[in-house]
């Protein structure tokens, strides 16, 4: 075949690629060599730029998922965050990240897992700093001092007006606002007949920062209902039990509660000496808007619905918020025939009980002698 191509003038036809390169001009070969060098240089330069960018971008990208980025702490300013009931460490991390308390969720998760106390973080609202270290955020959540919740303590024996003043102070509102809330729906049972006195359980309450007066009072009433239900007292006796317990709370020390309870029960049914009159100083004072002291002769003569010297039986409502000890005493009075008692020492609270008026008068005289020696009391 090659002979045929030679005869047809094959020497003028293009040769193989190797032949063409062999016969290419020197200038073309030089140009191609320069092009290859330039391409290699540009490619290397671009690779160098991409490598430098990776040094900056990749760590920042990884910090989101791998927790390598963290604020140094201790943080600045303040922010309020709420940890809901049952929140996991990961959920808390998300809350803190959204509030800019921590830099990343993963940094908090790492700190949370590293601290064996972290599982003890309680739900609630906390006041924290912005841009804290993750470890610092865990420690802050474990510190009760950082809780932003409102704590209100209602002592045993507090009257409604004392409760309203205490709650108003805690919520930074006027007492009139709390009274207005009390007039609304706060969960009073039908047994209260619309009268909240005695229905606010004396406890320490913890409320969220945005709690309303009505919500706070509702929780106090709910707590009282729970206490009464635990005592297994018939609902029809709830109000009378609270009235008796409130008097017990005001009239005696906890060591005397059961005896005072028996005096109340004995007086209510007596038909020979006291004829159903309780004759309790605490009820007289309550009717006059007072919460302590010894009533004067004029005050004892003041006719109010709560003057148990003038009106038989129990007063119309409790005279304060009785504690659990007083409630228990009202349910379980001591056994005895006492009809009288008097506190003979206001400093120590020593109280003496008597079954007869003659014995009681001796105790009253002892009290008067003590009062003369201690007028400041």
Protein backbone atom coordinates (compact mmCIF):
# COMPACT_ATOMS: atom_id res chain seq x y z
CA UNK A 1 0.00 0.00 0.00
CA UNK A 2 2.84 2.36 0.69
CA UNK A 3 4.11 2.00 -2.88
CA UNK A 4 0.73 2.99 -4.18
CA UNK A 5 0.63 6.09 -1.98
CA UNK A 6 4.15 7.01 -3.16
CA UNK A 7 3.05 6.76 -6.73
CA UNK A 8 0.01 8.97 -6.05
CA UNK A 9 2.17 11.74 -4.63
CA UNK A 10 2.01 10.73 -0.94
CA UNK A 11 5.00 12.91 -0.10
CA UNK A 12 2.78 16.01 -0.28
CA UNK A 13 0.14 14.61 2.17
CA UNK A 14 0.23 15.45 5.90
CA UNK A 15 2.21 12.90 7.91
CA UNK A 16 1.57 11.48 11.38
CA UNK A 17 1.22 13.71 14.50
CA UNK A 18 4.75 12.71 15.44
CA UNK A 19 5.98 13.77 11.99
CA UNK A 20 4.17 17.11 12.27
CA UNK A 21 5.77 17.82 15.65
CA UNK A 22 9.13 16.85 14.25
CA UNK A 23 8.84 19.29 11.39
CA UNK A 24 7.16 22.16 13.35
CA UNK A 25 8.99 25.46 13.32
CA UNK A 26 11.13 26.25 16.35
CA UNK A 27 9.11 29.39 17.13
CA UNK A 28 5.91 27.35 17.56
CA UNK A 29 7.64 24.91 19.90
CA UNK A 30 8.88 27.77 22.07
CA UNK A 31 5.41 29.33 22.22
CA UNK A 32 3.86 26.09 23.35
CA UNK A 33 6.52 25.66 26.03
CA UNK A 34 5.80 29.16 27.42
CA UNK A 35 2.05 28.44 27.45
CA UNK A 36 2.59 25.28 29.51
CA UNK A 37 4.78 27.14 32.04
CA UNK A 38 2.23 29.97 32.37
CA UNK A 39 -0.63 27.51 32.93
CA UNK A 40 1.31 25.67 35.59
CA UNK A 41 2.11 28.95 37.37
CA UNK A 42 -1.55 30.10 37.40
CA UNK A 43 -2.74 26.72 38.61
CA UNK A 44 -0.22 26.77 41.44
CA UNK A 45 -1.18 30.31 42.42
CA UNK A 46 -4.87 29.43 42.55
CA UNK A 47 -4.14 26.39 44.68
CA UNK A 48 -2.19 28.55 47.10
CA UNK A 49 -5.14 31.01 47.43
CA UNK A 50 -7.62 28.19 48.03
CA UNK A 51 -5.36 26.67 50.68
CA UNK A 52 -5.12 30.00 52.51
CA UNK A 53 -8.90 30.43 52.40
CA UNK A 54 -9.36 26.95 53.80
CA UNK A 55 -7.18 27.85 56.79
CA UNK A 56 -9.65 30.64 57.67
CA UNK A 57 -12.98 29.18 56.62
CA UNK A 58 -12.72 25.54 57.65
CA UNK A 59 -12.03 26.11 61.39
CA UNK A 60 -14.92 28.58 61.57
CA UNK A 61 -17.17 26.11 59.81
CA UNK A 62 -16.11 23.27 62.07
CA UNK A 63 -16.61 25.39 65.21
CA UNK A 64 -20.36 25.32 64.68
CA UNK A 65 -20.52 21.56 64.81
CA UNK A 66 -17.48 20.51 66.78
CA UNK A 67 -17.51 23.02 69.68
CA UNK A 68 -14.02 24.40 69.12
CA UNK A 69 -15.20 28.02 69.42
CA UNK A 70 -16.00 29.42 72.86
CA UNK A 71 -16.21 32.85 74.45
CA UNK A 72 -13.37 33.47 76.90
CA UNK A 73 -15.79 34.86 79.50
CA UNK A 74 -16.68 36.03 82.05
CA UNK A 75 -19.18 37.93 79.89
CA UNK A 76 -20.77 41.36 80.00
CA UNK A 77 -24.17 42.92 80.58
CA UNK A 78 -27.10 40.69 81.41
CA UNK A 79 -29.86 38.74 79.75
CA UNK A 80 -32.80 36.72 81.05
CA UNK A 81 -33.28 33.17 79.82
CA UNK A 82 -35.82 30.53 80.76
CA UNK A 83 -35.02 26.84 81.12
CA UNK A 84 -38.27 24.92 80.66
CA UNK A 85 -39.28 21.91 82.70
CA UNK A 86 -37.59 18.73 81.48
CA UNK A 87 -35.16 20.52 79.12
CA UNK A 88 -32.19 18.44 77.96
CA UNK A 89 -28.63 19.70 77.85
CA UNK A 90 -28.90 20.11 74.08
CA UNK A 91 -32.12 22.12 74.42
CA UNK A 92 -30.54 24.37 77.05
CA UNK A 93 -27.55 24.84 74.74
CA UNK A 94 -29.84 26.02 71.94
CA UNK A 95 -31.59 28.48 74.27
CA UNK A 96 -28.28 29.94 75.46
CA UNK A 97 -26.87 30.14 71.94
CA UNK A 98 -29.94 32.03 70.68
CA UNK A 99 -29.56 34.50 73.57
CA UNK A 100 -25.80 34.92 72.84
CA UNK A 101 -24.90 33.62 76.27
CA UNK A 102 -22.59 31.02 74.73
CA UNK A 103 -20.78 31.06 71.39
CA UNK A 104 -21.93 27.67 70.14
CA UNK A 105 -24.30 24.93 71.15
CA UNK A 106 -21.55 22.33 70.95
CA UNK A 107 -19.26 24.22 73.33
CA UNK A 108 -22.03 24.26 75.94
CA UNK A 109 -22.81 20.60 75.37
CA UNK A 110 -19.14 19.75 75.92
CA UNK A 111 -19.08 21.82 79.14
CA UNK A 112 -22.38 20.30 80.25
CA UNK A 113 -21.09 16.76 79.74
CA UNK A 114 -17.84 17.59 81.51
CA UNK A 115 -19.57 18.82 84.69
CA UNK A 116 -21.12 16.01 86.78
CA UNK A 117 -23.41 18.56 88.46
CA UNK A 118 -24.99 19.71 85.21
CA UNK A 119 -27.89 17.26 85.43
CA UNK A 120 -28.98 19.15 88.57
CA UNK A 121 -29.79 22.34 86.63
CA UNK A 122 -33.32 23.29 87.63
CA UNK A 123 -36.02 24.75 85.38
CA UNK A 124 -36.78 28.42 85.79
CA UNK A 125 -35.78 31.88 84.67
CA UNK A 126 -32.16 32.94 85.11
CA UNK A 127 -30.29 36.22 84.81
CA UNK A 128 -27.00 35.51 83.02
CA UNK A 129 -24.30 37.51 81.27
CA UNK A 130 -23.86 37.82 77.55
CA UNK A 131 -20.96 36.00 75.88
CA UNK A 132 -19.97 33.80 78.79
CA UNK A 133 -17.65 30.85 78.52
CA UNK A 134 -19.59 27.61 78.18
CA UNK A 135 -18.22 26.29 81.47
CA UNK A 136 -19.13 29.57 83.15
CA UNK A 137 -22.68 29.29 81.83
CA UNK A 138 -23.06 25.80 83.33
CA UNK A 139 -21.80 27.06 86.70
CA UNK A 140 -24.13 30.07 86.57
CA UNK A 141 -27.17 27.88 85.90
CA UNK A 142 -26.29 25.77 88.94
CA UNK A 143 -26.17 28.84 91.22
CA UNK A 144 -29.61 29.58 92.79
CA UNK A 145 -28.54 33.22 93.18
CA UNK A 146 -28.91 33.63 89.42
CA UNK A 147 -32.55 32.63 89.45
CA UNK A 148 -34.66 35.54 88.28
CA UNK A 149 -37.81 34.05 89.82
CA UNK A 150 -39.79 35.92 92.47
CA UNK A 151 -39.80 34.34 95.93
CA UNK A 152 -42.58 35.25 98.36
CA UNK A 153 -42.90 33.89 101.90
CA UNK A 154 -46.28 34.03 103.61
CA UNK A 155 -45.81 33.41 107.37
CA UNK A 156 -48.33 31.52 109.50
CA UNK A 157 -51.04 33.76 110.86
CA UNK A 158 -50.85 36.42 108.13
CA UNK A 159 -54.15 38.16 107.43
CA UNK A 160 -55.36 38.95 103.91
CA UNK A 161 -54.16 42.54 104.13
CA UNK A 162 -50.72 41.37 105.23
CA UNK A 163 -50.63 38.88 102.34
CA UNK A 164 -51.60 41.62 99.88
CA UNK A 165 -48.91 43.98 101.18
CA UNK A 166 -46.24 41.25 101.02
CA UNK A 167 -47.22 40.18 97.50
CA UNK A 168 -47.50 43.76 96.26
CA UNK A 169 -43.97 44.47 97.46
CA UNK A 170 -42.62 41.37 95.71
CA UNK A 171 -44.40 42.17 92.44
CA UNK A 172 -43.66 45.92 92.64
CA UNK A 173 -47.34 46.84 92.38
CA UNK A 174 -49.79 48.63 94.67
CA UNK A 175 -51.64 46.67 97.36
CA UNK A 176 -54.87 47.92 95.81
CA UNK A 177 -53.96 46.07 92.62
CA UNK A 178 -53.57 42.83 94.57
CA UNK A 179 -56.87 43.41 96.38
CA UNK A 180 -58.55 43.98 93.04
CA UNK A 181 -57.10 40.71 91.75
CA UNK A 182 -58.37 38.92 94.88
CA UNK A 183 -61.89 40.06 94.04
CA UNK A 184 -61.72 38.20 90.75
CA UNK A 185 -61.45 34.50 89.94
CA UNK A 186 -58.61 33.10 92.04
CA UNK A 187 -59.97 29.60 92.44
CA UNK A 188 -61.77 29.98 95.77
CA UNK A 189 -63.97 26.93 96.40
CA UNK A 190 -67.66 27.32 97.12
CA UNK A 191 -66.95 26.51 100.78
CA UNK A 192 -65.15 29.86 101.16
CA UNK A 193 -68.36 31.71 100.32
CA UNK A 194 -66.35 34.32 98.44
CA UNK A 195 -64.18 35.19 101.47
CA UNK A 196 -60.44 34.60 100.85
CA UNK A 197 -59.33 35.08 104.47
CA UNK A 198 -57.60 31.93 105.66
CA UNK A 199 -57.46 30.45 102.16
CA UNK A 200 -53.93 31.60 101.34
CA UNK A 201 -51.66 28.77 102.48
CA UNK A 202 -48.70 30.17 104.45
CA UNK A 203 -45.76 28.84 102.46
CA UNK A 204 -42.76 30.05 100.49
CA UNK A 205 -43.69 30.46 96.83
CA UNK A 206 -41.52 30.79 93.76
CA UNK A 207 -43.06 32.58 90.81
CA UNK A 208 -41.89 33.40 87.29
CA UNK A 209 -40.91 37.08 86.79
CA UNK A 210 -44.03 37.80 84.73
CA UNK A 211 -46.51 36.31 87.21
CA UNK A 212 -49.66 38.34 87.84
CA UNK A 213 -51.19 38.99 91.25
CA UNK A 214 -54.19 36.85 90.31
CA UNK A 215 -51.96 33.96 89.30
CA UNK A 216 -49.97 34.18 92.53
CA UNK A 217 -53.10 34.27 94.70
CA UNK A 218 -54.56 31.37 92.74
CA UNK A 219 -51.51 29.26 93.53
CA UNK A 220 -51.83 30.10 97.24
CA UNK A 221 -55.49 29.05 97.23
CA UNK A 222 -54.66 25.88 95.30
CA UNK A 223 -52.01 25.02 97.88
CA UNK A 224 -54.55 25.46 100.68
CA UNK A 225 -57.05 23.18 98.96
CA UNK A 226 -54.35 20.54 98.56
CA UNK A 227 -53.55 20.74 102.28
CA UNK A 228 -57.20 20.27 103.22
CA UNK A 229 -57.56 17.34 100.86
CA UNK A 230 -54.52 15.67 102.41
CA UNK A 231 -56.13 15.99 105.85
CA UNK A 232 -59.08 13.95 104.58
CA UNK A 233 -61.57 16.43 106.04
CA UNK A 234 -65.09 16.55 104.66
CA UNK A 235 -65.49 19.56 102.35
CA UNK A 236 -68.46 20.80 104.37
CA UNK A 237 -66.11 21.24 107.35
CA UNK A 238 -63.37 23.09 105.48
CA UNK A 239 -64.42 26.62 106.43
CA UNK A 240 -65.07 25.90 110.11
CA UNK A 241 -61.76 24.03 110.30
CA UNK A 242 -59.89 27.05 108.88
CA UNK A 243 -61.64 29.36 111.35
CA UNK A 244 -60.67 27.20 114.31
CA UNK A 245 -57.11 26.72 113.05
CA UNK A 246 -56.67 30.47 112.53
CA UNK A 247 -57.64 31.14 116.15
CA UNK A 248 -55.35 28.37 117.35
CA UNK A 249 -52.51 29.91 115.32
CA UNK A 250 -53.00 33.31 116.97
CA UNK A 251 -53.76 32.20 120.50
CA UNK A 252 -51.01 29.71 121.31
CA UNK A 253 -47.55 28.37 120.72
CA UNK A 254 -47.18 25.26 118.59
CA UNK A 255 -46.58 23.22 121.74
CA UNK A 256 -50.01 24.32 123.03
CA UNK A 257 -51.99 24.08 119.79
CA UNK A 258 -53.72 20.80 120.60
CA UNK A 259 -54.86 22.10 124.03
CA UNK A 260 -56.12 25.37 122.59
CA UNK A 261 -58.03 23.34 120.01
CA UNK A 262 -59.68 21.40 122.83
CA UNK A 263 -60.67 24.63 124.63
CA UNK A 264 -62.37 25.86 121.46
CA UNK A 265 -64.30 22.62 121.06
CA UNK A 266 -65.31 22.58 124.75
CA UNK A 267 -66.46 26.20 124.71
CA UNK A 268 -68.59 25.75 121.60
CA UNK A 269 -70.69 23.07 123.34
CA UNK A 270 -70.56 24.32 126.96
CA UNK A 271 -73.87 25.39 128.50
CA UNK A 272 -72.84 26.02 132.11
CA UNK A 273 -69.90 28.42 132.37
CA UNK A 274 -69.19 30.06 129.00
CA UNK A 275 -72.42 29.13 127.20
CA UNK A 276 -70.91 28.88 123.72
CA UNK A 277 -68.88 32.12 123.84
CA UNK A 278 -65.29 31.68 122.67
CA UNK A 279 -64.15 34.94 124.28
CA UNK A 280 -60.91 35.07 122.29
CA UNK A 281 -58.84 38.26 122.30
CA UNK A 282 -57.40 37.42 118.89
CA UNK A 283 -60.82 37.57 117.21
CA UNK A 284 -61.63 40.89 118.87
CA UNK A 285 -58.38 42.41 117.64
CA UNK A 286 -58.88 41.06 114.13
CA UNK A 287 -62.27 42.72 113.95
CA UNK A 288 -60.54 46.01 114.77
CA UNK A 289 -57.90 45.57 112.08
CA UNK A 290 -55.15 44.56 114.50
CA UNK A 291 -52.92 41.51 114.48
CA UNK A 292 -51.53 41.36 118.01
CA UNK A 293 -51.44 42.76 121.50
CA UNK A 294 -53.92 42.76 124.36
CA UNK A 295 -57.33 44.40 123.80
CA UNK A 296 -58.36 47.24 126.08
CA UNK A 297 -61.68 47.37 127.92
CA UNK A 298 -63.07 49.69 125.26
CA UNK A 299 -61.93 47.34 122.48
CA UNK A 300 -63.54 44.37 124.23
CA UNK A 301 -66.80 46.31 124.23
CA UNK A 302 -66.55 47.20 120.52
CA UNK A 303 -69.31 45.36 118.66
CA UNK A 304 -67.94 43.73 115.52
CA UNK A 305 -68.87 40.38 113.97
CA UNK A 306 -65.55 39.09 115.30
CA UNK A 307 -66.10 40.03 118.95
CA UNK A 308 -66.51 36.56 120.44
CA UNK A 309 -67.19 38.09 123.85
CA UNK A 310 -70.43 39.49 122.44
CA UNK A 311 -71.31 36.85 119.82
CA UNK A 312 -71.61 33.11 120.37
CA UNK A 313 -69.94 30.51 118.27
CA UNK A 314 -67.24 30.88 115.63
CA UNK A 315 -66.53 34.20 113.95
CA UNK A 316 -67.77 34.53 110.33
CA UNK A 317 -64.38 33.89 108.70
CA UNK A 318 -60.88 32.82 109.65
CA UNK A 319 -58.75 35.53 111.23
CA UNK A 320 -55.57 34.65 109.35
CA UNK A 321 -53.76 31.92 107.44
CA UNK A 322 -53.20 28.93 109.71
CA UNK A 323 -50.16 26.72 109.26
CA UNK A 324 -50.12 22.95 109.04
CA UNK A 325 -49.51 22.47 112.77
CA UNK A 326 -52.57 24.52 113.66
CA UNK A 327 -54.64 22.68 111.06
CA UNK A 328 -53.54 19.35 112.45
CA UNK A 329 -54.41 20.46 115.99
CA UNK A 330 -57.88 21.55 114.84
CA UNK A 331 -58.42 18.10 113.35
CA UNK A 332 -56.93 16.30 116.37
CA UNK A 333 -57.59 18.27 119.59
CA UNK A 334 -56.00 17.06 122.82
CA UNK A 335 -58.16 15.27 125.34
CA UNK A 336 -59.11 17.43 128.35
CA UNK A 337 -61.84 19.41 130.10
CA UNK A 338 -60.24 22.85 129.81
CA UNK A 339 -62.46 25.84 129.22
CA UNK A 340 -59.92 28.58 129.83
CA UNK A 341 -56.36 29.48 129.02
CA UNK A 342 -54.21 32.54 129.29
CA UNK A 343 -50.65 33.37 128.27
CA UNK A 344 -48.93 34.43 131.46
CA UNK A 345 -45.64 35.52 129.87
CA UNK A 346 -45.69 37.29 126.52
CA UNK A 347 -41.94 36.96 126.12
CA UNK A 348 -41.77 33.19 126.51
CA UNK A 349 -45.31 32.42 125.41
CA UNK A 350 -45.97 30.34 128.52
CA UNK A 351 -49.68 29.50 128.59
CA UNK A 352 -51.73 28.01 131.44
CA UNK A 353 -55.00 26.08 131.03
CA UNK A 354 -57.85 25.71 133.49
CA UNK A 355 -61.11 23.81 133.74
CA UNK A 356 -62.77 26.20 136.22
CA UNK A 357 -63.20 29.95 136.35
CA UNK A 358 -61.60 30.18 139.81
CA UNK A 359 -58.43 28.50 138.57
CA UNK A 360 -58.45 30.64 135.47
CA UNK A 361 -58.71 33.85 137.49
CA UNK A 362 -55.57 32.88 139.38
CA UNK A 363 -53.76 32.48 136.07
CA UNK A 364 -55.10 35.83 134.85
CA UNK A 365 -53.79 37.51 137.98
CA UNK A 366 -50.37 35.98 137.30
CA UNK A 367 -50.47 37.49 133.82
CA UNK A 368 -51.43 40.94 135.14
CA UNK A 369 -48.54 40.90 137.58
CA UNK A 370 -46.17 39.99 134.78
CA UNK A 371 -47.58 42.79 132.61
CA UNK A 372 -47.01 45.35 135.36
CA UNK A 373 -43.37 44.31 135.54
CA UNK A 374 -42.99 44.32 131.76
CA UNK A 375 -45.04 47.28 130.43
CA UNK A 376 -42.91 47.47 127.29
CA UNK A 377 -44.27 44.09 126.21
